[in-house]
Amino acid sequence: MKLERSRNEYYSPVMNGIMNTLRFPTDFLWGAATAAYQIEGAWNEDGKGESIWDRFSHTPGNIINADTGDAACDHYHRYPEDISLMRQLGMKAYRFSISWPRVLPTGFGRVNTAGLDFYDRLVDALLAANIEPFITLHHWDIPQALLDRGGWINRDNLSYFADFAALMVKRLGDRVRRWATLNEPDDIAEAGYGNGEHAPGVKNDWKTVQQVIHNLLVAHGLAVQAIRAIDPALEVGIVLGLWGVDPTSEDPTDIAAADLVWNSQRIAFIHPIFRGHYHSSMIDAIGDNFPEVKSGDMALISQKLEFLGINNYSRTLVGGRGAISLVPGSEYTDMGWEVCAPAFRRMLNRINNDYNLPPIYITENGAAFPDVVTADGKIHDERRLDYLAQHITQVRLAMEDGVDVRGYFVWSLLDNFEWGHGYTKRFGLIRVDFDTQKRIIKDSGEWYSRVISLNSVDH
């Protein structure tokens, strides 16, 4: 197996110079995604409590340029304009998250009515624009008050997440059909307690990482139960970050090394959710750091779901001597991630073959590249457009392989606060000038609008 670059035999539907149009099912859900802390701003307005990302970004040295999410895209005040832009682009759906401390300032107990009212208005405005709300309950911004009580380390806190889920479903469940419990829980654990790049910024506490992974899975299960107790007709799922792991060659040593990384690390969440136990390779790799698992946990974790959300941006390339950080000839995004769309298709097929999965939604896929506003006031972001074209093509080809993908959400609708990178990385279909809050639709946004309108992609 050669080291694959951005384009290879899997990539292009263009054969012998003939353009091929790939059409999608008529009910395919096209949209874009955001996260509350990354766009809302209004960090201390209208009764909102402090989140761990408020505290983390306000601590010197944590974020590039000392950026914070205090204002972000000011979506809290500008959501009507943003919905108007979504409608202009023809979005069928909008995936967003709820700021837990905006509705429950301390994580439990007293409800902040103003916070609930904001999401009420947001959902109603989306529906009025014929855009389906697709809610993620938790995208990393746990209330600081809960972290002070141990956060995800303290098992006693897990029921508060279920209570939060119930609160939101009681308020919005009459209008919102699809609910994801957690977004990329692996990052909550590994970046929060392993490498320390994300809030709360703990480094090298690998035993805690494993316990947080397990506790997040339990919290997910409790939230699923809480939602179903209110309305069993709602569709409930989870959003997992899944990058494929490819071997550097067909040498058995390289294949085995790649499989080990996949089985011991990448499927830490998908395996227990859909198999009801941890993979043996993961158990062996964790060793003495294996978490405390209580009776009944695995049944709680592995409840049936109506959908699986997948976030994918790149792949990991692994050989017998370790991971490869640079593939000669490959393109890399501004995040340093390789562009290799065929790996997306391979990963989708792999999980489809390995697990009995519900329908899949691609809940995040996109690319950060530097943008330049030209003299005509436009952003000609050909590299982002090409990235999206390649990956949407691979999604459609995976569907032809038999993977049941029901929708696709670009990350992101807007340039936003990119966590530890602050405002230095731009993923948006829409450019945001963070000094003036002016929005400009990029070429990639105009192109994506045509894809939605035609319900097809071609090259």
Protein backbone atom coordinates (compact mmCIF):
# COMPACT_ATOMS: atom_id res chain seq x y z
CA MET A 1 0.00 0.00 0.00
CA LYS A 2 1.49 3.31 -1.05
CA LEU A 3 1.18 6.43 1.06
CA GLU A 4 -2.02 7.93 -0.29
CA ARG A 5 -2.27 11.61 -0.99
CA SER A 6 -5.27 13.86 -1.33
CA ARG A 7 -6.40 12.33 -4.60
CA ASN A 8 -6.13 8.73 -5.68
CA GLU A 9 -8.18 5.97 -7.19
CA TYR A 10 -10.89 6.35 -4.54
CA TYR A 11 -11.28 10.05 -4.96
CA SER A 12 -12.56 11.35 -8.22
CA PRO A 13 -15.81 10.53 -9.97
CA VAL A 14 -14.27 12.07 -13.08
CA MET A 15 -13.25 9.27 -15.42
CA ASN A 16 -11.51 9.88 -18.75
CA GLY A 17 -12.43 13.55 -18.64
CA ILE A 18 -16.17 12.86 -18.26
CA MET A 19 -17.91 14.69 -15.43
CA ASN A 20 -20.02 12.50 -13.20
CA THR A 21 -22.77 13.90 -11.01
CA LEU A 22 -23.38 12.17 -7.68
CA ARG A 23 -26.95 12.67 -6.51
CA PHE A 24 -28.21 12.34 -2.96
CA PRO A 25 -31.53 10.96 -1.66
CA THR A 26 -34.36 13.50 -1.77
CA ASP A 27 -34.65 13.59 2.05
CA PHE A 28 -30.90 14.00 2.67
CA LEU A 29 -30.33 16.57 5.43
CA TRP A 30 -27.89 19.34 4.45
CA GLY A 31 -26.71 21.76 7.11
CA ALA A 32 -23.93 23.36 9.08
CA ALA A 33 -22.81 23.08 12.68
CA THR A 34 -21.65 25.32 15.51
CA ALA A 35 -21.05 25.10 19.27
CA ALA A 36 -22.39 27.43 21.95
CA TYR A 37 -19.12 28.61 23.48
CA GLN A 38 -17.52 29.10 20.08
CA ILE A 39 -20.16 31.51 18.74
CA GLU A 40 -22.63 32.81 21.33
CA GLY A 41 -20.58 35.31 23.31
CA ALA A 42 -22.64 37.07 26.00
CA TRP A 43 -20.62 35.04 28.46
CA ASN A 44 -21.97 36.74 31.57
CA GLU A 45 -25.27 38.22 30.37
CA ASP A 46 -28.86 37.54 31.40
CA GLY A 47 -28.01 35.30 34.32
CA LYS A 48 -25.63 32.89 32.56
CA GLY A 49 -23.23 31.08 34.87
CA GLU A 50 -19.50 30.65 34.35
CA SER A 51 -18.36 27.69 32.27
CA ILE A 52 -15.03 25.91 32.46
CA TRP A 53 -14.14 27.50 29.12
CA ASP A 54 -14.84 30.96 30.54
CA ARG A 55 -12.42 30.21 33.38
CA PHE A 56 -9.87 28.50 31.11
CA SER A 57 -9.80 31.26 28.49
CA HIS A 58 -9.54 33.95 31.16
CA THR A 59 -6.45 32.26 32.59
CA PRO A 60 -3.28 33.74 31.02
CA GLY A 61 -1.26 31.41 28.83
CA ASN A 62 -4.02 29.01 27.84
CA ILE A 63 -5.25 30.53 24.55
CA ILE A 64 -3.28 31.96 21.63
CA ASN A 65 -3.29 35.78 21.70
CA ALA A 66 -5.12 35.62 25.05
CA ASP A 67 -8.36 35.29 23.07
CA THR A 68 -11.58 34.42 24.86
CA GLY A 69 -15.11 33.47 23.91
CA ASP A 70 -16.53 36.46 25.77
CA ALA A 71 -17.92 37.97 22.56
CA ALA A 72 -17.09 35.30 19.94
CA CYS A 73 -19.52 35.80 17.01
CA ASP A 74 -22.08 37.54 19.23
CA HIS A 75 -24.60 34.97 18.04
CA TYR A 76 -26.58 35.45 21.25
CA HIS A 77 -27.63 38.86 19.94
CA ARG A 78 -27.19 38.31 16.20
CA TYR A 79 -28.91 34.96 15.72
CA PRO A 80 -31.65 36.46 13.49
CA GLU A 81 -28.99 37.65 11.05
CA ASP A 82 -27.26 34.27 11.16
CA ILE A 83 -30.51 32.43 10.51
CA SER A 84 -31.16 34.77 7.59
CA LEU A 85 -27.76 33.78 6.17
CA MET A 86 -28.57 30.09 6.66
CA ARG A 87 -31.81 30.59 4.80
CA GLN A 88 -29.98 32.46 2.04
CA LEU A 89 -27.67 29.45 1.67
CA GLY A 90 -30.61 27.05 1.58
CA MET A 91 -29.69 25.14 4.74
CA LYS A 92 -32.10 22.35 5.58
CA ALA A 93 -30.84 21.91 9.15
CA TYR A 94 -28.69 23.61 11.76
CA ARG A 95 -26.75 21.71 14.40
CA PHE A 96 -26.01 23.74 17.53
CA SER A 97 -25.31 23.08 21.18
CA ILE A 98 -26.87 24.30 24.41
CA SER A 99 -24.77 26.25 26.87
CA TRP A 100 -25.38 24.26 30.04
CA PRO A 101 -24.47 27.19 32.38
CA ARG A 102 -26.74 29.52 30.40
CA VAL A 103 -29.80 27.55 31.49
CA LEU A 104 -28.47 26.06 34.75
CA PRO A 105 -25.84 28.49 36.08
CA THR A 106 -24.48 26.05 38.66
CA GLY A 107 -25.22 22.91 36.63
CA PHE A 108 -28.27 21.91 38.68
CA GLY A 109 -31.00 23.43 40.79
CA ARG A 110 -32.07 26.95 39.89
CA VAL A 111 -33.12 27.38 36.25
CA ASN A 112 -32.18 30.57 34.43
CA THR A 113 -35.38 31.40 32.59
CA ALA A 114 -33.67 33.96 30.34
CA GLY A 115 -31.33 31.27 29.08
CA LEU A 116 -34.17 28.89 28.29
CA ASP A 117 -36.01 31.72 26.56
CA PHE A 118 -33.03 32.32 24.27
CA TYR A 119 -33.07 28.76 22.96
CA ASP A 120 -36.85 28.92 22.69
CA ARG A 121 -36.54 31.96 20.41
CA LEU A 122 -33.70 30.37 18.44
CA VAL A 123 -35.67 27.19 17.74
CA ASP A 124 -38.80 29.10 16.76
CA ALA A 125 -36.80 31.35 14.41
CA LEU A 126 -35.18 28.33 12.78
CA LEU A 127 -38.51 26.61 12.24
CA ALA A 128 -39.98 29.81 10.80
CA ALA A 129 -37.13 29.74 8.27
CA ASN A 130 -37.84 26.05 7.46
CA ILE A 131 -34.54 24.99 9.02
CA GLU A 132 -34.58 21.91 11.25
CA PRO A 133 -32.94 22.33 14.67
CA PHE A 134 -30.50 19.51 15.47
CA ILE A 135 -29.44 19.89 19.10
CA THR A 136 -26.30 18.71 20.86
CA LEU A 137 -26.82 18.98 24.60
CA HIS A 138 -23.17 19.28 25.62
CA HIS A 139 -20.28 20.60 23.55
CA TRP A 140 -17.60 20.87 26.24
CA ASP A 141 -18.74 23.91 28.29
CA ILE A 142 -19.67 22.27 31.60
CA PRO A 143 -20.55 24.77 34.36
CA GLN A 144 -17.53 25.78 36.43
CA ALA A 145 -19.57 25.20 39.58
CA LEU A 146 -19.84 21.52 38.65
CA LEU A 147 -16.11 21.29 37.97
CA ASP A 148 -15.57 22.69 41.46
CA ARG A 149 -17.52 19.64 42.67
CA GLY A 150 -15.31 17.28 40.66
CA GLY A 151 -16.90 17.65 37.23
CA TRP A 152 -16.87 14.46 35.17
CA ILE A 153 -14.53 12.82 37.69
CA ASN A 154 -17.23 12.82 40.37
CA ARG A 155 -19.82 10.19 39.55
CA ASP A 156 -22.36 11.98 41.73
CA ASN A 157 -22.47 14.74 39.12
CA LEU A 158 -23.57 12.49 36.27
CA SER A 159 -27.24 12.64 37.18
CA TYR A 160 -27.11 16.42 36.78
CA PHE A 161 -26.44 15.94 33.10
CA ALA A 162 -29.54 13.77 32.82
CA ASP A 163 -31.53 16.46 34.62
CA PHE A 164 -30.18 19.06 32.18
CA ALA A 165 -31.21 16.86 29.25
CA ALA A 166 -34.69 16.45 30.71
CA LEU A 167 -35.04 20.20 31.24
CA MET A 168 -34.18 20.98 27.62
CA VAL A 169 -36.39 18.26 26.18
CA LYS A 170 -39.36 19.37 28.27
CA ARG A 171 -38.90 22.88 26.91
CA LEU A 172 -38.02 22.16 23.27
CA GLY A 173 -38.98 18.54 22.60
CA ASP A 174 -42.31 19.51 21.08
CA ARG A 175 -40.39 21.19 18.23
CA VAL A 176 -36.98 19.48 18.12
CA ARG A 177 -36.90 15.90 16.90
CA ARG A 178 -33.21 14.94 17.07
CA TRP A 179 -31.06 15.18 20.19
CA ALA A 180 -27.38 14.28 20.62
CA THR A 181 -26.15 13.85 24.17
CA LEU A 182 -22.42 14.64 23.93
CA ASN A 183 -20.03 16.01 21.33
CA GLU A 184 -16.65 14.29 20.96
CA PRO A 185 -16.41 13.04 24.55
CA ASP A 186 -12.93 11.70 23.76
CA ASP A 187 -11.68 15.30 23.58
CA ILE A 188 -13.33 16.17 26.88
CA ALA A 189 -11.26 13.42 28.51
CA GLU A 190 -8.02 13.38 26.54
CA ALA A 191 -7.55 17.09 25.81
CA GLY A 192 -8.96 18.11 29.20
CA TYR A 193 -7.00 15.71 31.41
CA GLY A 194 -4.32 14.20 29.15
CA ASN A 195 -2.51 16.83 27.11
CA GLY A 196 -4.16 19.73 28.93
CA GLU A 197 -4.86 21.71 25.75
CA HIS A 198 -8.54 22.09 26.63
CA ALA A 199 -10.40 23.05 29.77
CA PRO A 200 -9.88 22.28 32.57
CA GLY A 201 -6.23 22.04 31.45
CA VAL A 202 -5.04 19.05 33.49
CA LYS A 203 -1.93 17.37 32.05
CA ASN A 204 -0.83 13.76 32.06
CA ASP A 205 -3.45 12.43 34.46
CA TRP A 206 -4.05 9.31 32.38
CA LYS A 207 -5.87 7.36 35.06
CA THR A 208 -8.36 10.20 35.34
CA VAL A 209 -8.66 10.27 31.55
CA GLN A 210 -9.92 6.69 31.60
CA GLN A 211 -12.35 7.32 34.44
CA VAL A 212 -13.70 10.42 32.69
CA ILE A 213 -14.20 8.38 29.50
CA HIS A 214 -16.26 5.85 31.41
CA ASN A 215 -18.19 8.46 33.39
CA LEU A 216 -19.06 10.33 30.19
CA LEU A 217 -20.43 7.11 28.73
CA VAL A 218 -22.55 6.61 31.85
CA ALA A 219 -23.74 10.23 31.68
CA HIS A 220 -24.71 9.64 28.05
CA GLY A 221 -26.73 6.58 29.07
CA LEU A 222 -28.48 8.45 31.85
CA ALA A 223 -29.38 11.28 29.47
CA VAL A 224 -30.76 8.82 26.91
CA GLN A 225 -33.00 7.35 29.59
CA ALA A 226 -34.12 10.78 30.75
CA ILE A 227 -35.04 11.88 27.22
CA ARG A 228 -36.93 8.68 26.48
CA ALA A 229 -38.84 8.95 29.75
CA ILE A 230 -40.24 12.27 28.54
CA ASP A 231 -40.89 11.40 24.90
CA PRO A 232 -39.95 7.97 23.52
CA ALA A 233 -40.70 9.19 19.98
CA LEU A 234 -37.70 11.52 19.93
CA GLU A 235 -34.54 10.46 18.10
CA VAL A 236 -31.55 10.27 20.42
CA GLY A 237 -27.88 9.79 19.55
CA ILE A 238 -24.33 10.81 20.34
CA VAL A 239 -21.65 12.62 18.33
CA LEU A 240 -18.26 10.91 18.19
CA GLY A 241 -15.02 12.13 16.68
CA LEU A 242 -13.74 9.34 14.43
CA TRP A 243 -10.62 9.54 12.28
CA GLY A 244 -9.59 6.47 10.37
CA VAL A 245 -6.25 4.81 11.11
CA ASP A 246 -4.39 3.64 8.00
CA PRO A 247 -1.23 1.50 7.87
CA THR A 248 1.80 2.95 6.10
CA SER A 249 2.15 -0.16 3.95
CA GLU A 250 0.76 -3.64 3.38
CA ASP A 251 3.46 -5.09 5.60
CA PRO A 252 1.75 -7.16 8.34
CA THR A 253 3.70 -5.28 11.00
CA ASP A 254 2.34 -1.95 9.81
CA ILE A 255 -1.19 -3.27 9.50
CA ALA A 256 -1.04 -4.71 13.02
CA ALA A 257 0.28 -1.41 14.39
CA ALA A 258 -2.54 0.54 12.77
CA ASP A 259 -5.14 -1.94 14.02
CA LEU A 260 -3.77 -1.64 17.53
CA VAL A 261 -4.13 2.15 17.52
CA TRP A 262 -7.67 1.83 16.18
CA ASN A 263 -8.77 -0.83 18.67
CA SER A 264 -7.01 0.53 21.75
CA GLN A 265 -7.76 4.24 21.23
CA ARG A 266 -10.16 5.26 18.48
CA ILE A 267 -13.11 3.03 19.37
CA ALA A 268 -13.12 3.82 23.08
CA PHE A 269 -16.68 5.13 22.77
CA ILE A 270 -18.23 3.47 19.73
CA HIS A 271 -17.30 -0.04 20.87
CA PRO A 272 -18.97 -0.02 24.32
CA ILE A 273 -21.99 1.85 22.97
CA PHE A 274 -22.65 -0.65 20.19
CA ARG A 275 -21.06 -3.82 21.60
CA GLY A 276 -21.73 -3.39 25.31
CA HIS A 277 -18.12 -3.84 26.46
CA TYR A 278 -14.67 -2.32 26.07
CA HIS A 279 -12.41 -3.74 23.38
CA SER A 280 -9.82 -6.18 24.72
CA SER A 281 -7.01 -4.17 23.10
CA MET A 282 -8.13 -1.09 24.98
CA ILE A 283 -8.30 -2.99 28.25
CA ASP A 284 -4.77 -4.33 27.70
CA ALA A 285 -3.43 -0.89 26.78
CA ILE A 286 -4.99 0.81 29.81
CA GLY A 287 -3.68 -1.73 32.29
CA ASP A 288 -3.72 -0.37 35.83
CA ASN A 289 -5.50 2.78 34.68
CA PHE A 290 -8.70 0.89 33.87
CA PRO A 291 -11.67 2.82 35.33
CA GLU A 292 -14.09 1.79 38.02
CA VAL A 293 -17.07 0.14 36.33
CA LYS A 294 -20.17 -0.45 38.40
CA SER A 295 -22.77 -3.16 37.95
CA GLY A 296 -25.24 -2.22 35.25
CA ASP A 297 -23.00 0.40 33.67
CA MET A 298 -22.45 -1.38 30.38
CA ALA A 299 -26.16 -2.02 29.84
CA LEU A 300 -26.82 1.65 30.55
CA ILE A 301 -24.09 2.71 28.10
CA SER A 302 -25.19 0.40 25.29
CA GLN A 303 -28.85 1.38 24.99
CA LYS A 304 -30.23 1.48 21.49
CA LEU A 305 -29.80 4.81 19.67
CA GLU A 306 -31.72 6.28 16.75
CA PHE A 307 -28.64 7.83 15.13
CA LEU A 308 -24.87 8.20 15.34
CA GLY A 309 -23.20 11.53 14.65
CA ILE A 310 -19.67 11.40 13.26
CA ASN A 311 -17.14 14.23 13.20
CA ASN A 312 -14.27 13.66 10.80
CA TYR A 313 -11.49 15.88 9.52
CA SER A 314 -8.52 13.68 8.63
CA ARG A 315 -6.83 10.34 9.35
CA THR A 316 -3.90 8.93 11.30
CA LEU A 317 -1.21 7.06 9.43
CA VAL A 318 0.59 4.42 11.51
CA GLY A 319 3.38 1.94 10.89
CA GLY A 320 5.43 -0.44 12.98
CA ARG A 321 7.69 2.46 13.95
CA GLY A 322 4.84 4.73 15.00
CA ALA A 323 2.66 7.43 13.49
CA ILE A 324 3.68 9.33 10.36
CA SER A 325 3.33 13.08 10.80
CA LEU A 326 4.00 14.15 7.21
CA VAL A 327 3.01 12.43 3.99
CA PRO A 328 5.09 13.71 1.05
CA GLY A 329 2.86 15.32 -1.56
CA SER A 330 -0.24 15.54 0.65
CA GLU A 331 -2.00 18.81 1.33
CA TYR A 332 -2.41 19.97 4.93
CA THR A 333 -4.97 22.32 6.44
CA ASP A 334 -4.15 25.26 8.68
CA MET A 335 -4.61 22.91 11.64
CA GLY A 336 -1.80 20.71 10.33
CA TRP A 337 -4.26 17.95 9.39
CA GLU A 338 -3.69 15.94 6.23
CA VAL A 339 -6.30 16.18 3.50
CA CYS A 340 -7.09 12.58 2.56
CA ALA A 341 -10.78 12.26 1.73
CA PRO A 342 -10.60 8.55 0.69
CA ALA A 343 -9.73 7.71 4.30
CA PHE A 344 -13.14 9.09 5.27
CA ARG A 345 -14.87 6.54 3.06
CA ARG A 346 -12.72 3.71 4.37
CA MET A 347 -13.47 4.64 7.97
CA LEU A 348 -17.21 4.81 7.32
CA ASN A 349 -17.12 1.38 5.73
CA ARG A 350 -15.06 -0.01 8.58
CA ILE A 351 -17.46 1.02 11.32
CA ASN A 352 -20.41 0.00 9.17
CA ASN A 353 -18.92 -3.48 8.80
CA ASP A 354 -17.86 -3.81 12.44
CA TYR A 355 -21.00 -2.57 14.21
CA ASN A 356 -24.76 -2.77 13.94
CA LEU A 357 -25.22 0.97 13.57
CA PRO A 358 -28.29 3.19 13.40
CA PRO A 359 -28.46 5.83 10.64
CA ILE A 360 -25.40 8.08 10.52
CA TYR A 361 -25.20 11.85 10.27
CA ILE A 362 -21.91 13.50 9.40
CA THR A 363 -22.17 16.11 12.13
CA GLU A 364 -18.85 17.86 11.45
CA ASN A 365 -16.54 17.97 8.45
CA GLY A 366 -14.58 20.96 7.23
CA ALA A 367 -11.23 22.66 6.93
CA ALA A 368 -9.39 25.66 8.33
CA PHE A 369 -7.45 27.68 5.77
CA PRO A 370 -6.26 31.29 5.87
CA ASP A 371 -8.77 33.57 4.15
CA VAL A 372 -8.04 36.77 2.27
CA VAL A 373 -10.67 39.41 1.61
CA THR A 374 -10.00 40.62 -1.94
CA ALA A 375 -10.59 44.08 -3.38
CA ASP A 376 -14.07 43.03 -4.47
CA GLY A 377 -14.96 42.18 -0.85
CA LYS A 378 -15.06 38.44 -1.54
CA ILE A 379 -13.28 35.44 -0.04
CA HIS A 380 -12.13 33.09 -2.80
CA ASP A 381 -11.39 30.07 -0.62
CA GLU A 382 -10.71 27.45 -3.28
CA ARG A 383 -8.85 25.12 -0.91
CA ARG A 384 -11.78 24.88 1.51
CA LEU A 385 -14.20 24.43 -1.38
CA ASP A 386 -12.06 21.63 -2.79
CA TYR A 387 -11.78 19.96 0.62
CA LEU A 388 -15.57 19.95 0.99
CA ALA A 389 -16.07 18.68 -2.56
CA GLN A 390 -13.69 15.79 -1.98
CA HIS A 391 -15.24 14.77 1.32
CA ILE A 392 -18.87 15.09 0.23
CA THR A 393 -17.94 12.93 -2.76
CA GLN A 394 -16.51 10.29 -0.43
CA VAL A 395 -19.63 10.37 1.74
CA ARG A 396 -21.76 9.66 -1.32
CA LEU A 397 -19.47 6.84 -2.42
CA ALA A 398 -19.66 5.34 1.07
CA MET A 399 -23.44 5.48 0.79
CA GLU A 400 -23.19 3.55 -2.47
CA ASP A 401 -21.07 1.03 -0.54
CA GLY A 402 -24.02 0.52 1.81
CA VAL A 403 -23.34 2.98 4.65
CA ASP A 404 -26.63 4.55 5.80
CA VAL A 405 -25.74 8.25 5.91
CA ARG A 406 -28.78 10.51 6.28
CA GLY A 407 -27.22 13.99 6.48
CA TYR A 408 -24.11 16.14 6.33
CA PHE A 409 -23.19 19.23 8.40
CA VAL A 410 -20.26 21.44 7.44
CA TRP A 411 -18.03 22.63 10.24
CA SER A 412 -18.64 25.43 10.50
CA LEU A 413 -21.35 27.88 9.63
CA LEU A 414 -19.22 30.76 10.92
CA ASP A 415 -15.60 31.49 11.62
CA ASN A 416 -15.47 31.22 15.39
CA PHE A 417 -13.46 30.79 18.58
CA GLU A 418 -11.40 27.70 17.81
CA TRP A 419 -10.69 26.64 21.40
CA GLY A 420 -6.98 26.83 22.26
CA HIS A 421 -6.25 28.43 18.89
CA GLY A 422 -8.48 31.40 19.66
CA TYR A 423 -9.45 33.28 16.52
CA THR A 424 -6.41 32.23 14.46
CA LYS A 425 -8.11 29.34 12.62
CA ARG A 426 -11.03 29.91 10.26
CA PHE A 427 -13.38 27.03 9.42
CA GLY A 428 -16.45 29.01 8.40
CA LEU A 429 -18.53 29.06 5.26
CA ILE A 430 -19.16 32.62 6.40
CA ARG A 431 -16.33 34.95 7.34
CA VAL A 432 -16.68 36.89 10.58
CA ASP A 433 -14.75 40.09 11.19
CA PHE A 434 -14.33 39.78 14.93
CA ASP A 435 -13.79 43.54 15.33
CA THR A 436 -16.97 44.60 13.55
CA GLN A 437 -18.97 41.31 13.55
CA LYS A 438 -19.55 41.78 9.82
CA ARG A 439 -20.46 38.54 8.03
CA ILE A 440 -19.39 37.70 4.45
CA ILE A 441 -20.38 34.50 2.67
CA LYS A 442 -17.28 32.86 1.20
CA ASP A 443 -17.04 31.17 -2.18
CA SER A 444 -17.25 27.83 -0.35
CA GLY A 445 -20.56 28.91 1.14
CA GLU A 446 -21.94 29.87 -2.27
CA TRP A 447 -20.73 26.54 -3.67
CA TYR A 448 -22.28 24.59 -0.79
CA SER A 449 -25.54 26.43 -1.37
CA ARG A 450 -25.56 25.10 -4.94
CA VAL A 451 -24.86 21.57 -3.71
CA ILE A 452 -27.86 21.83 -1.40
CA SER A 453 -30.07 23.30 -4.12
CA LEU A 454 -29.13 20.62 -6.65
CA ASN A 455 -28.90 17.87 -4.00
CA SER A 456 -25.79 16.61 -5.79
CA VAL A 457 -22.06 17.09 -6.09
CA ASP A 458 -19.99 16.93 -9.24
CA HIS A 459 -16.49 17.62 -10.50
